[in-house]
Structure formats: C-alpha cells, structure tokens
Amino acid sequence: MSASTPARISGTDTRPSATALAATDWSERPCAGLGRAMARRDVDLATALDVFFRGGPERFNYLPKPHVPADYRPVARHLDNICLRINSGFYLPAAGGRPECRDALGRWLAYQRADRDEGRCGRWVLDEAVLAPLIEPSRRGPAPAPDTPPGTMPGKAQATKARRLLRAMRAALRALPRPGPVRRARK
C-alpha cells in the first residue's frame, strides 16, 4: 500500500469513510481499491463529486480517449466510471451533505454551460438535474429516517427515481433499430 493510500480505501477496511475517499490524491494514478470503494452504494453524491475533482478531470476533459497519455489512462477510466455513476443517479445526496469542491464544481458547471452555448462538449458532462439537490437546497428531498440504511430513499423519492429510470429505459428501447420481418427458413 502506498503512502497516499489510506487503509480505509485500500481494501483493508470494509467501509471506506467519506473523509478518506475525499482526501485521497489520486490524480497521478489510482490508488488501490478506489474503484471498489466508489462502487459502494453507501458513497453519497457530495463525496463522489469530491473524489471526482481530486482526480483532476480538467486535464483530460477535451482530449479524445486515444490521446490521453498511457500513464494516465487508468485515472481517466476512473473518472469515466465516477461521472457515469453520478449522472445515472447511483450516488444519492446525503442529508446535509455539501461537497468540499463547491468552487471547482461551480467552475466546471460554468465551463459546461459555455461549452453548450458554443456547441461543443467535454468528455465529462455532469447532469445538473442530478446535482440540483446539492446546488439548490430547496430541491433537497426529506431527510431519511435515522434507521434508513445508506443508499435507500424515502417512498416518494424512490417512486420518482423509479419513474425516471423507467422513462429512460423506454426511451433507450425506442431508439433501438426495429428488427426486420421474421422469415421462416425453407425446409
């Protein structure tokens, strides 16, 4: 285990703490166990954003995948995975959770809007609708009950998320090409 890899992430601890995840500098190379730790359902949205920005995504945001230097491809791959999970709603906002990277997030979203106005797009586009509970406190859902396990939501929020997921799945299925007519093979 390297000096920059806390035991809370490297796999020697079964539940990495948000503080250990957010404090780890993995911008030069991913630390052991980071992918596994970030795949856990108990990582909240604010922590995921902190970890994302600790990886230094601005360095590769406008580089095509093949142009990322080979030494940094594992870092870019981790950034890809974290961004996909953020945008899919995998990481849920914790009650009272505020990202430490508010300045970096604000700059990122401002650049993202400017890119959209200019008709271009970076590699990692954060979905502002998913980030709304962190950005706009009025859009936060009710705080979960104290006995609610991490990664679960109260009834109404869970139903809303399920409806959004179902709509997204239907849209993806509609976008698939329709198969041609089925023809029977001649005997």
N, C-alpha and C. Protein backbone atom coordinates (compact mmCIF):
# COMPACT_ATOMS: atom_id res chain seq x y z
N MET A 1 0.86 -1.18 0.00
CA MET A 1 0.00 0.00 0.00
C MET A 1 0.90 1.23 0.00
N SER A 2 0.59 2.17 -0.89
CA SER A 2 1.41 3.37 -0.97
C SER A 2 1.09 4.33 0.16
N ALA A 3 1.95 5.33 0.31
CA ALA A 3 1.77 6.30 1.39
C ALA A 3 0.50 7.13 1.17
N SER A 4 0.08 7.30 -0.09
CA SER A 4 -1.11 8.12 -0.35
C SER A 4 -2.41 7.31 -0.30
N THR A 5 -2.32 6.02 -0.02
CA THR A 5 -3.50 5.18 0.02
C THR A 5 -3.87 4.86 1.45
N PRO A 6 -4.87 5.53 1.99
CA PRO A 6 -5.28 5.23 3.35
C PRO A 6 -5.83 3.82 3.45
N ALA A 7 -5.69 3.19 4.61
CA ALA A 7 -6.20 1.85 4.83
C ALA A 7 -7.71 1.81 4.63
N ARG A 8 -8.37 2.94 4.82
CA ARG A 8 -9.83 2.99 4.69
C ARG A 8 -10.26 2.82 3.24
N ILE A 9 -9.32 2.89 2.27
CA ILE A 9 -9.68 2.73 0.87
C ILE A 9 -9.07 1.47 0.28
N SER A 10 -7.91 1.10 0.73
CA SER A 10 -7.14 0.06 0.06
C SER A 10 -7.75 -1.33 0.13
N GLY A 11 -8.83 -1.49 0.85
CA GLY A 11 -9.43 -2.80 0.92
C GLY A 11 -9.21 -3.45 2.27
N THR A 12 -8.37 -2.87 3.13
CA THR A 12 -8.17 -3.44 4.45
C THR A 12 -9.30 -3.08 5.38
N ASP A 13 -10.14 -2.13 4.99
CA ASP A 13 -11.32 -1.77 5.76
C ASP A 13 -12.53 -2.02 4.88
N THR A 14 -13.59 -2.58 5.43
CA THR A 14 -14.75 -2.94 4.62
C THR A 14 -15.63 -1.76 4.28
N ARG A 15 -15.60 -0.68 5.04
CA ARG A 15 -16.41 0.51 4.74
C ARG A 15 -15.52 1.74 4.70
N PRO A 16 -15.09 2.14 3.50
CA PRO A 16 -14.24 3.33 3.43
C PRO A 16 -15.02 4.56 3.87
N SER A 17 -14.37 5.40 4.62
CA SER A 17 -15.06 6.60 5.08
C SER A 17 -15.05 7.67 3.99
N ALA A 18 -16.06 8.52 4.03
CA ALA A 18 -16.15 9.61 3.06
C ALA A 18 -14.94 10.52 3.18
N THR A 19 -14.47 10.74 4.40
CA THR A 19 -13.32 11.61 4.61
C THR A 19 -12.08 11.04 3.94
N ALA A 20 -11.86 9.74 4.09
CA ALA A 20 -10.69 9.09 3.48
C ALA A 20 -10.78 9.13 1.97
N LEU A 21 -11.98 8.88 1.42
CA LEU A 21 -12.15 8.91 -0.03
C LEU A 21 -11.88 10.31 -0.58
N ALA A 22 -12.50 11.31 0.04
CA ALA A 22 -12.38 12.68 -0.46
C ALA A 22 -10.99 13.26 -0.28
N ALA A 23 -10.22 12.76 0.68
CA ALA A 23 -8.89 13.31 0.96
C ALA A 23 -7.78 12.64 0.16
N THR A 24 -8.08 11.57 -0.52
CA THR A 24 -7.05 10.83 -1.25
C THR A 24 -6.70 11.53 -2.55
N ASP A 25 -5.41 11.79 -2.77
CA ASP A 25 -4.95 12.40 -4.01
C ASP A 25 -4.61 11.27 -4.98
N TRP A 26 -5.45 11.07 -5.95
CA TRP A 26 -5.22 10.00 -6.92
C TRP A 26 -5.09 10.57 -8.33
N SER A 27 -4.71 11.83 -8.44
CA SER A 27 -4.64 12.48 -9.74
C SER A 27 -3.52 11.94 -10.64
N GLU A 28 -2.48 11.36 -10.05
CA GLU A 28 -1.38 10.82 -10.86
C GLU A 28 -1.60 9.35 -11.23
N ARG A 29 -2.18 8.61 -10.31
CA ARG A 29 -2.52 7.21 -10.59
C ARG A 29 -3.53 6.77 -9.54
N PRO A 30 -4.45 5.91 -9.95
CA PRO A 30 -5.48 5.48 -9.00
C PRO A 30 -4.85 4.70 -7.84
N CYS A 31 -5.37 4.91 -6.65
CA CYS A 31 -4.87 4.14 -5.52
C CYS A 31 -5.61 2.81 -5.46
N ALA A 32 -4.99 1.86 -4.80
CA ALA A 32 -5.56 0.53 -4.69
C ALA A 32 -6.93 0.58 -4.02
N GLY A 33 -7.90 -0.07 -4.61
CA GLY A 33 -9.22 -0.16 -4.01
C GLY A 33 -10.15 1.00 -4.29
N LEU A 34 -9.70 2.03 -5.03
CA LEU A 34 -10.56 3.19 -5.28
C LEU A 34 -11.80 2.80 -6.08
N GLY A 35 -11.61 2.03 -7.13
CA GLY A 35 -12.76 1.61 -7.95
C GLY A 35 -13.78 0.83 -7.14
N ARG A 36 -13.30 -0.07 -6.33
CA ARG A 36 -14.17 -0.89 -5.48
C ARG A 36 -14.89 -0.01 -4.46
N ALA A 37 -14.17 0.93 -3.87
CA ALA A 37 -14.77 1.82 -2.87
C ALA A 37 -15.84 2.71 -3.50
N MET A 38 -15.58 3.20 -4.70
CA MET A 38 -16.54 4.10 -5.35
C MET A 38 -17.75 3.35 -5.91
N ALA A 39 -17.69 2.04 -5.98
CA ALA A 39 -18.82 1.24 -6.46
C ALA A 39 -19.79 0.89 -5.34
N ARG A 40 -19.49 1.33 -4.14
CA ARG A 40 -20.36 1.01 -3.00
C ARG A 40 -21.57 1.93 -2.98
N ARG A 41 -22.72 1.39 -2.57
CA ARG A 41 -23.96 2.16 -2.51
C ARG A 41 -23.97 3.18 -1.38
N ASP A 42 -23.08 3.03 -0.41
CA ASP A 42 -23.11 3.96 0.73
C ASP A 42 -22.25 5.21 0.51
N VAL A 43 -21.69 5.37 -0.69
CA VAL A 43 -20.97 6.60 -1.02
C VAL A 43 -22.02 7.62 -1.47
N ASP A 44 -22.01 8.79 -0.86
CA ASP A 44 -23.01 9.79 -1.21
C ASP A 44 -22.54 10.68 -2.36
N LEU A 45 -23.45 11.47 -2.89
CA LEU A 45 -23.18 12.31 -4.05
C LEU A 45 -22.09 13.35 -3.79
N ALA A 46 -22.11 14.00 -2.63
CA ALA A 46 -21.11 15.02 -2.32
C ALA A 46 -19.71 14.40 -2.27
N THR A 47 -19.59 13.23 -1.67
CA THR A 47 -18.29 12.54 -1.60
C THR A 47 -17.83 12.14 -3.00
N ALA A 48 -18.75 11.65 -3.82
CA ALA A 48 -18.40 11.26 -5.19
C ALA A 48 -17.87 12.45 -5.99
N LEU A 49 -18.49 13.61 -5.82
CA LEU A 49 -18.01 14.81 -6.51
C LEU A 49 -16.63 15.22 -6.00
N ASP A 50 -16.43 15.14 -4.69
CA ASP A 50 -15.11 15.46 -4.12
C ASP A 50 -14.04 14.55 -4.72
N VAL A 51 -14.33 13.26 -4.79
CA VAL A 51 -13.36 12.29 -5.33
C VAL A 51 -13.14 12.58 -6.82
N PHE A 52 -14.21 12.86 -7.55
CA PHE A 52 -14.10 13.17 -8.98
C PHE A 52 -13.15 14.34 -9.21
N PHE A 53 -13.32 15.42 -8.47
CA PHE A 53 -12.46 16.59 -8.67
C PHE A 53 -11.06 16.39 -8.13
N ARG A 54 -10.86 15.47 -7.18
CA ARG A 54 -9.50 15.15 -6.71
C ARG A 54 -8.70 14.44 -7.81
N GLY A 55 -9.40 13.85 -8.78
CA GLY A 55 -8.73 13.17 -9.88
C GLY A 55 -8.24 14.11 -10.97
N GLY A 56 -8.54 15.40 -10.88
CA GLY A 56 -8.07 16.37 -11.87
C GLY A 56 -8.68 16.17 -13.26
N PRO A 57 -10.02 16.13 -13.36
CA PRO A 57 -10.63 15.86 -14.66
C PRO A 57 -10.39 16.94 -15.72
N GLU A 58 -10.11 18.16 -15.27
CA GLU A 58 -9.92 19.26 -16.24
C GLU A 58 -8.76 19.00 -17.19
N ARG A 59 -7.80 18.17 -16.80
CA ARG A 59 -6.64 17.89 -17.66
C ARG A 59 -7.01 17.10 -18.90
N PHE A 60 -8.03 16.27 -18.81
CA PHE A 60 -8.36 15.37 -19.92
C PHE A 60 -9.73 15.62 -20.52
N ASN A 61 -10.44 16.62 -20.06
CA ASN A 61 -11.83 16.82 -20.46
C ASN A 61 -12.00 17.05 -21.95
N TYR A 62 -11.03 17.67 -22.60
CA TYR A 62 -11.18 17.95 -24.02
C TYR A 62 -10.27 17.07 -24.89
N LEU A 63 -9.64 16.09 -24.28
CA LEU A 63 -8.80 15.16 -25.03
C LEU A 63 -9.62 13.95 -25.46
N PRO A 64 -9.54 13.55 -26.72
CA PRO A 64 -10.18 12.30 -27.11
C PRO A 64 -9.51 11.13 -26.36
N LYS A 65 -10.26 10.08 -26.10
CA LYS A 65 -9.74 8.95 -25.33
C LYS A 65 -8.39 8.44 -25.84
N PRO A 66 -8.21 8.27 -27.16
CA PRO A 66 -6.91 7.74 -27.62
C PRO A 66 -5.74 8.69 -27.38
N HIS A 67 -6.00 9.97 -27.16
CA HIS A 67 -4.92 10.94 -26.97
C HIS A 67 -4.49 11.11 -25.52
N VAL A 68 -5.19 10.46 -24.60
CA VAL A 68 -4.78 10.52 -23.19
C VAL A 68 -3.50 9.70 -23.06
N PRO A 69 -2.43 10.27 -22.47
CA PRO A 69 -1.18 9.52 -22.32
C PRO A 69 -1.42 8.20 -21.59
N ALA A 70 -0.70 7.19 -22.01
CA ALA A 70 -0.89 5.83 -21.47
C ALA A 70 -0.79 5.78 -19.95
N ASP A 71 0.11 6.57 -19.38
CA ASP A 71 0.28 6.56 -17.92
C ASP A 71 -0.95 7.08 -17.19
N TYR A 72 -1.77 7.89 -17.86
CA TYR A 72 -2.94 8.49 -17.22
C TYR A 72 -4.26 7.83 -17.60
N ARG A 73 -4.21 6.81 -18.44
CA ARG A 73 -5.46 6.14 -18.85
C ARG A 73 -6.22 5.52 -17.68
N PRO A 74 -5.54 4.92 -16.68
CA PRO A 74 -6.30 4.41 -15.53
C PRO A 74 -7.02 5.52 -14.76
N VAL A 75 -6.39 6.69 -14.66
CA VAL A 75 -7.04 7.82 -13.99
C VAL A 75 -8.28 8.25 -14.78
N ALA A 76 -8.14 8.36 -16.11
CA ALA A 76 -9.26 8.76 -16.95
C ALA A 76 -10.39 7.73 -16.89
N ARG A 77 -10.02 6.46 -16.81
CA ARG A 77 -11.02 5.40 -16.71
C ARG A 77 -11.81 5.52 -15.40
N HIS A 78 -11.12 5.81 -14.30
CA HIS A 78 -11.81 6.02 -13.02
C HIS A 78 -12.73 7.24 -13.10
N LEU A 79 -12.25 8.30 -13.73
CA LEU A 79 -13.09 9.49 -13.90
C LEU A 79 -14.33 9.17 -14.74
N ASP A 80 -14.16 8.36 -15.79
CA ASP A 80 -15.30 7.93 -16.60
C ASP A 80 -16.34 7.22 -15.74
N ASN A 81 -15.87 6.28 -14.94
CA ASN A 81 -16.78 5.49 -14.11
C ASN A 81 -17.50 6.35 -13.08
N ILE A 82 -16.77 7.24 -12.43
CA ILE A 82 -17.40 8.10 -11.41
C ILE A 82 -18.43 9.01 -12.06
N CYS A 83 -18.09 9.61 -13.20
CA CYS A 83 -19.03 10.51 -13.88
C CYS A 83 -20.29 9.75 -14.32
N LEU A 84 -20.12 8.55 -14.86
CA LEU A 84 -21.29 7.76 -15.26
C LEU A 84 -22.19 7.45 -14.07
N ARG A 85 -21.57 7.13 -12.95
CA ARG A 85 -22.37 6.83 -11.76
C ARG A 85 -23.06 8.09 -11.22
N ILE A 86 -22.38 9.22 -11.27
CA ILE A 86 -23.01 10.47 -10.82
C ILE A 86 -24.23 10.76 -11.68
N ASN A 87 -24.06 10.72 -13.00
CA ASN A 87 -25.14 11.08 -13.91
C ASN A 87 -26.30 10.08 -13.91
N SER A 88 -26.02 8.84 -13.56
CA SER A 88 -27.08 7.83 -13.54
C SER A 88 -27.90 7.87 -12.26
N GLY A 89 -27.44 8.65 -11.27
CA GLY A 89 -28.15 8.71 -10.00
C GLY A 89 -27.73 7.63 -9.03
N PHE A 90 -26.62 6.96 -9.32
CA PHE A 90 -26.12 5.90 -8.43
C PHE A 90 -25.79 6.46 -7.05
N TYR A 91 -25.15 7.63 -7.02
CA TYR A 91 -24.81 8.26 -5.74
C TYR A 91 -25.96 9.17 -5.33
N LEU A 92 -26.47 8.95 -4.15
CA LEU A 92 -27.60 9.72 -3.66
C LEU A 92 -27.12 10.85 -2.76
N PRO A 93 -27.82 11.98 -2.77
CA PRO A 93 -27.42 13.07 -1.87
C PRO A 93 -27.72 12.68 -0.42
N ALA A 94 -26.76 12.91 0.44
CA ALA A 94 -26.95 12.64 1.87
C ALA A 94 -27.61 13.86 2.51
N ALA A 95 -28.36 13.61 3.54
CA ALA A 95 -29.00 14.72 4.26
C ALA A 95 -27.91 15.66 4.79
N GLY A 96 -27.97 16.92 4.40
CA GLY A 96 -26.99 17.91 4.86
C GLY A 96 -25.64 17.79 4.19
N GLY A 97 -25.52 16.90 3.20
CA GLY A 97 -24.23 16.72 2.52
C GLY A 97 -23.91 17.88 1.60
N ARG A 98 -22.74 18.46 1.77
CA ARG A 98 -22.27 19.54 0.92
C ARG A 98 -20.88 19.18 0.44
N PRO A 99 -20.64 19.24 -0.87
CA PRO A 99 -19.29 18.90 -1.35
C PRO A 99 -18.26 19.93 -0.94
N GLU A 100 -17.07 19.48 -0.64
CA GLU A 100 -15.96 20.38 -0.32
C GLU A 100 -15.49 21.12 -1.57
N CYS A 101 -15.80 20.55 -2.73
CA CYS A 101 -15.31 21.08 -4.00
C CYS A 101 -16.30 22.06 -4.64
N ARG A 102 -17.03 22.82 -3.84
CA ARG A 102 -18.06 23.72 -4.38
C ARG A 102 -17.50 24.69 -5.42
N ASP A 103 -16.30 25.23 -5.17
CA ASP A 103 -15.71 26.16 -6.14
C ASP A 103 -15.39 25.46 -7.46
N ALA A 104 -14.77 24.29 -7.36
CA ALA A 104 -14.43 23.53 -8.57
C ALA A 104 -15.70 23.11 -9.31
N LEU A 105 -16.73 22.71 -8.58
CA LEU A 105 -17.99 22.32 -9.20
C LEU A 105 -18.64 23.51 -9.90
N GLY A 106 -18.63 24.67 -9.26
CA GLY A 106 -19.20 25.87 -9.87
C GLY A 106 -18.47 26.24 -11.16
N ARG A 107 -17.14 26.19 -11.13
CA ARG A 107 -16.35 26.49 -12.34
C ARG A 107 -16.67 25.47 -13.44
N TRP A 108 -16.71 24.18 -13.06
CA TRP A 108 -16.97 23.11 -14.02
C TRP A 108 -18.32 23.33 -14.72
N LEU A 109 -19.34 23.62 -13.91
CA LEU A 109 -20.68 23.82 -14.49
C LEU A 109 -20.73 25.08 -15.35
N ALA A 110 -19.99 26.13 -14.97
CA ALA A 110 -19.93 27.34 -15.79
C ALA A 110 -19.27 27.05 -17.13
N TYR A 111 -18.16 26.31 -17.12
CA TYR A 111 -17.49 25.93 -18.37
C TYR A 111 -18.40 25.04 -19.22
N GLN A 112 -19.13 24.15 -18.55
CA GLN A 112 -20.04 23.25 -19.24
C GLN A 112 -21.14 24.04 -19.96
N ARG A 113 -21.68 25.06 -19.29
CA ARG A 113 -22.70 25.91 -19.92
C ARG A 113 -22.11 26.69 -21.10
N ALA A 114 -20.90 27.22 -20.91
CA ALA A 114 -20.24 27.96 -22.00
C ALA A 114 -19.98 27.03 -23.19
N ASP A 115 -19.57 25.80 -22.91
CA ASP A 115 -19.36 24.82 -23.98
C ASP A 115 -20.67 24.57 -24.74
N ARG A 116 -21.73 24.40 -23.98
CA ARG A 116 -23.05 24.15 -24.59
C ARG A 116 -23.44 25.33 -25.48
N ASP A 117 -23.20 26.56 -25.02
CA ASP A 117 -23.54 27.75 -25.81
C ASP A 117 -22.72 27.82 -27.09
N GLU A 118 -21.47 27.31 -27.03
CA GLU A 118 -20.59 27.33 -28.20
C GLU A 118 -20.73 26.09 -29.07
N GLY A 119 -21.59 25.17 -28.65
CA GLY A 119 -21.83 23.97 -29.45
C GLY A 119 -20.76 22.90 -29.34
N ARG A 120 -20.06 22.88 -28.23
CA ARG A 120 -19.07 21.82 -28.03
C ARG A 120 -19.34 21.13 -26.71
N CYS A 121 -18.60 20.06 -26.49
CA CYS A 121 -18.87 19.23 -25.31
C CYS A 121 -17.57 18.59 -24.86
N GLY A 122 -17.35 18.58 -23.55
CA GLY A 122 -16.19 17.91 -22.99
C GLY A 122 -16.47 16.42 -22.80
N ARG A 123 -15.49 15.71 -22.33
CA ARG A 123 -15.61 14.27 -22.12
C ARG A 123 -16.57 13.96 -20.97
N TRP A 124 -16.51 14.76 -19.91
CA TRP A 124 -17.34 14.52 -18.73
C TRP A 124 -18.32 15.67 -18.57
N VAL A 125 -19.58 15.42 -18.83
CA VAL A 125 -20.64 16.41 -18.68
C VAL A 125 -21.48 15.97 -17.49
N LEU A 126 -21.47 16.78 -16.45
CA LEU A 126 -22.24 16.46 -15.25
C LEU A 126 -23.68 16.92 -15.44
N ASP A 127 -24.61 16.05 -15.11
CA ASP A 127 -26.04 16.34 -15.25
C ASP A 127 -26.48 17.25 -14.10
N GLU A 128 -26.85 18.47 -14.45
CA GLU A 128 -27.22 19.45 -13.42
C GLU A 128 -28.50 19.07 -12.70
N ALA A 129 -29.37 18.29 -13.34
CA ALA A 129 -30.59 17.84 -12.67
C ALA A 129 -30.26 16.88 -11.53
N VAL A 130 -29.24 16.06 -11.72
CA VAL A 130 -28.82 15.13 -10.67
C VAL A 130 -28.14 15.90 -9.54
N LEU A 131 -27.41 16.96 -9.89
CA LEU A 131 -26.68 17.75 -8.89
C LEU A 131 -27.55 18.78 -8.18
N ALA A 132 -28.78 18.98 -8.67
CA ALA A 132 -29.65 20.02 -8.13
C ALA A 132 -29.82 19.97 -6.61
N PRO A 133 -29.95 18.80 -5.99
CA PRO A 133 -30.10 18.80 -4.52
C PRO A 133 -28.88 19.37 -3.79
N LEU A 134 -27.72 19.31 -4.40
CA LEU A 134 -26.52 19.88 -3.78
C LEU A 134 -26.38 21.37 -4.09
N ILE A 135 -26.84 21.75 -5.27
CA ILE A 135 -26.69 23.14 -5.71
C ILE A 135 -27.80 24.01 -5.14
N GLU A 136 -29.03 23.51 -5.21
CA GLU A 136 -30.20 24.26 -4.75
C GLU A 136 -30.79 23.56 -3.53
N PRO A 137 -30.55 24.09 -2.34
CA PRO A 137 -31.07 23.44 -1.13
C PRO A 137 -32.58 23.24 -1.13
N SER A 138 -33.32 24.08 -1.84
CA SER A 138 -34.77 23.95 -1.87
C SER A 138 -35.22 22.68 -2.59
N ARG A 139 -34.33 22.09 -3.43
CA ARG A 139 -34.70 20.89 -4.18
C ARG A 139 -34.30 19.61 -3.46
N ARG A 140 -33.79 19.72 -2.26
CA ARG A 140 -33.44 18.52 -1.50
C ARG A 140 -34.70 17.83 -1.04
N GLY A 141 -34.67 16.53 -1.04
CA GLY A 141 -35.79 15.75 -0.55
C GLY A 141 -35.78 15.73 0.97
N PRO A 142 -36.77 15.08 1.55
CA PRO A 142 -36.80 14.99 3.01
C PRO A 142 -35.64 14.15 3.52
N ALA A 143 -35.18 14.47 4.69
CA ALA A 143 -34.09 13.70 5.29
C ALA A 143 -34.59 12.31 5.62
N PRO A 144 -33.79 11.27 5.34
CA PRO A 144 -34.23 9.91 5.65
C PRO A 144 -34.33 9.72 7.16
N ALA A 145 -35.17 8.78 7.55
CA ALA A 145 -35.31 8.45 8.96
C ALA A 145 -33.98 7.92 9.48
N PRO A 146 -33.70 8.09 10.78
CA PRO A 146 -32.41 7.65 11.32
C PRO A 146 -32.13 6.16 11.10
N ASP A 147 -33.15 5.33 11.00
CA ASP A 147 -32.91 3.90 10.82
C ASP A 147 -32.89 3.48 9.35
N THR A 148 -32.94 4.46 8.41
CA THR A 148 -32.89 4.15 6.99
C THR A 148 -31.46 3.79 6.60
N PRO A 149 -31.27 2.61 5.99
CA PRO A 149 -29.91 2.23 5.59
C PRO A 149 -29.37 3.16 4.52
N PRO A 150 -28.04 3.36 4.46
CA PRO A 150 -27.45 4.22 3.43
C PRO A 150 -27.80 3.70 2.04
N GLY A 151 -28.03 4.60 1.12
CA GLY A 151 -28.30 4.22 -0.26
C GLY A 151 -29.77 3.96 -0.54
N THR A 152 -30.65 4.13 0.45
CA THR A 152 -32.07 3.97 0.21
C THR A 152 -32.75 5.32 0.34
N MET A 153 -33.92 5.45 -0.24
CA MET A 153 -34.62 6.73 -0.22
C MET A 153 -36.00 6.55 0.39
N PRO A 154 -36.57 7.63 0.89
CA PRO A 154 -37.95 7.56 1.36
C PRO A 154 -38.88 7.25 0.19
N GLY A 155 -40.10 6.81 0.48
CA GLY A 155 -41.05 6.32 -0.52
C GLY A 155 -41.25 7.20 -1.74
N LYS A 156 -41.61 8.47 -1.56
CA LYS A 156 -41.92 9.33 -2.70
C LYS A 156 -40.69 9.55 -3.59
N ALA A 157 -39.55 9.78 -2.98
CA ALA A 157 -38.32 9.99 -3.76
C ALA A 157 -37.96 8.71 -4.52
N GLN A 158 -38.16 7.57 -3.89
CA GLN A 158 -37.85 6.29 -4.54
C GLN A 158 -38.78 6.08 -5.73
N ALA A 159 -40.07 6.39 -5.58
CA ALA A 159 -41.02 6.25 -6.68
C ALA A 159 -40.67 7.19 -7.83
N THR A 160 -40.26 8.41 -7.51
CA THR A 160 -39.88 9.37 -8.55
C THR A 160 -38.66 8.88 -9.31
N LYS A 161 -37.69 8.37 -8.59
CA LYS A 161 -36.48 7.86 -9.24
C LYS A 161 -36.82 6.65 -10.11
N ALA A 162 -37.71 5.79 -9.64
CA ALA A 162 -38.11 4.62 -10.40
C ALA A 162 -38.82 5.04 -11.69
N ARG A 163 -39.70 6.06 -11.62
CA ARG A 163 -40.38 6.55 -12.82
C ARG A 163 -39.38 7.13 -13.82
N ARG A 164 -38.39 7.89 -13.32
CA ARG A 164 -37.36 8.46 -14.21
C ARG A 164 -36.57 7.34 -14.89
N LEU A 165 -36.22 6.33 -14.12
CA LEU A 165 -35.46 5.21 -14.68
C LEU A 165 -36.28 4.49 -15.74
N LEU A 166 -37.55 4.25 -15.47
CA LEU A 166 -38.42 3.59 -16.43
C LEU A 166 -38.54 4.41 -17.71
N ARG A 167 -38.71 5.74 -17.59
CA ARG A 167 -38.78 6.60 -18.78
C ARG A 167 -37.49 6.53 -19.58
N ALA A 168 -36.36 6.56 -18.89
CA ALA A 168 -35.07 6.49 -19.59
C ALA A 168 -34.90 5.15 -20.30
N MET A 169 -35.34 4.08 -19.65
CA MET A 169 -35.24 2.76 -20.28
C MET A 169 -36.15 2.67 -21.51
N ARG A 170 -37.37 3.19 -21.41
CA ARG A 170 -38.28 3.19 -22.56
C ARG A 170 -37.69 3.99 -23.72
N ALA A 171 -37.13 5.15 -23.42
CA ALA A 171 -36.54 5.99 -24.48
C ALA A 171 -35.38 5.25 -25.15
N ALA A 172 -34.57 4.57 -24.35
CA ALA A 172 -33.45 3.83 -24.93
C ALA A 172 -33.95 2.69 -25.80
N LEU A 173 -35.00 2.02 -25.38
CA LEU A 173 -35.55 0.92 -26.18
C LEU A 173 -36.18 1.44 -27.48
N ARG A 174 -36.84 2.59 -27.41
CA ARG A 174 -37.43 3.17 -28.62
C ARG A 174 -36.36 3.58 -29.63
N ALA A 175 -35.19 3.94 -29.13
CA ALA A 175 -34.11 4.39 -30.02
C ALA A 175 -33.44 3.22 -30.74
N LEU A 176 -33.65 1.99 -30.27
CA LEU A 176 -33.04 0.83 -30.93
C LEU A 176 -33.67 0.60 -32.29
N PRO A 177 -32.88 0.12 -33.25
CA PRO A 177 -33.46 -0.16 -34.58
C PRO A 177 -34.45 -1.33 -34.47
N ARG A 178 -35.51 -1.23 -35.23
CA ARG A 178 -36.50 -2.30 -35.22
C ARG A 178 -36.01 -3.45 -36.10
N PRO A 179 -36.23 -4.67 -35.64
CA PRO A 179 -35.81 -5.81 -36.47
C PRO A 179 -36.71 -5.92 -37.69
N GLY A 180 -36.18 -6.47 -38.74
CA GLY A 180 -36.97 -6.70 -39.95
C GLY A 180 -37.95 -7.83 -39.74
N PRO A 181 -38.75 -8.11 -40.75
CA PRO A 181 -39.72 -9.19 -40.60
C PRO A 181 -39.01 -10.52 -40.38
N VAL A 182 -39.63 -11.37 -39.62
CA VAL A 182 -39.07 -12.69 -39.35
C VAL A 182 -39.49 -13.62 -40.48
N ARG A 183 -38.52 -14.25 -41.06
CA ARG A 183 -38.79 -15.17 -42.17
C ARG A 183 -38.44 -16.59 -41.75
N ARG A 184 -39.29 -17.46 -42.11
CA ARG A 184 -39.04 -18.86 -41.79
C ARG A 184 -38.10 -19.46 -42.83
N ALA A 185 -37.24 -20.30 -42.31
CA ALA A 185 -36.32 -20.99 -43.22
C ALA A 185 -37.09 -22.08 -43.97
N ARG A 186 -36.79 -22.23 -45.23
CA ARG A 186 -37.46 -23.26 -46.04
C ARG A 186 -36.83 -24.61 -45.75
N LYS A 187 -37.68 -25.60 -45.75
CA LYS A 187 -37.18 -26.97 -45.48
C LYS A 187 -36.75 -27.63 -46.74
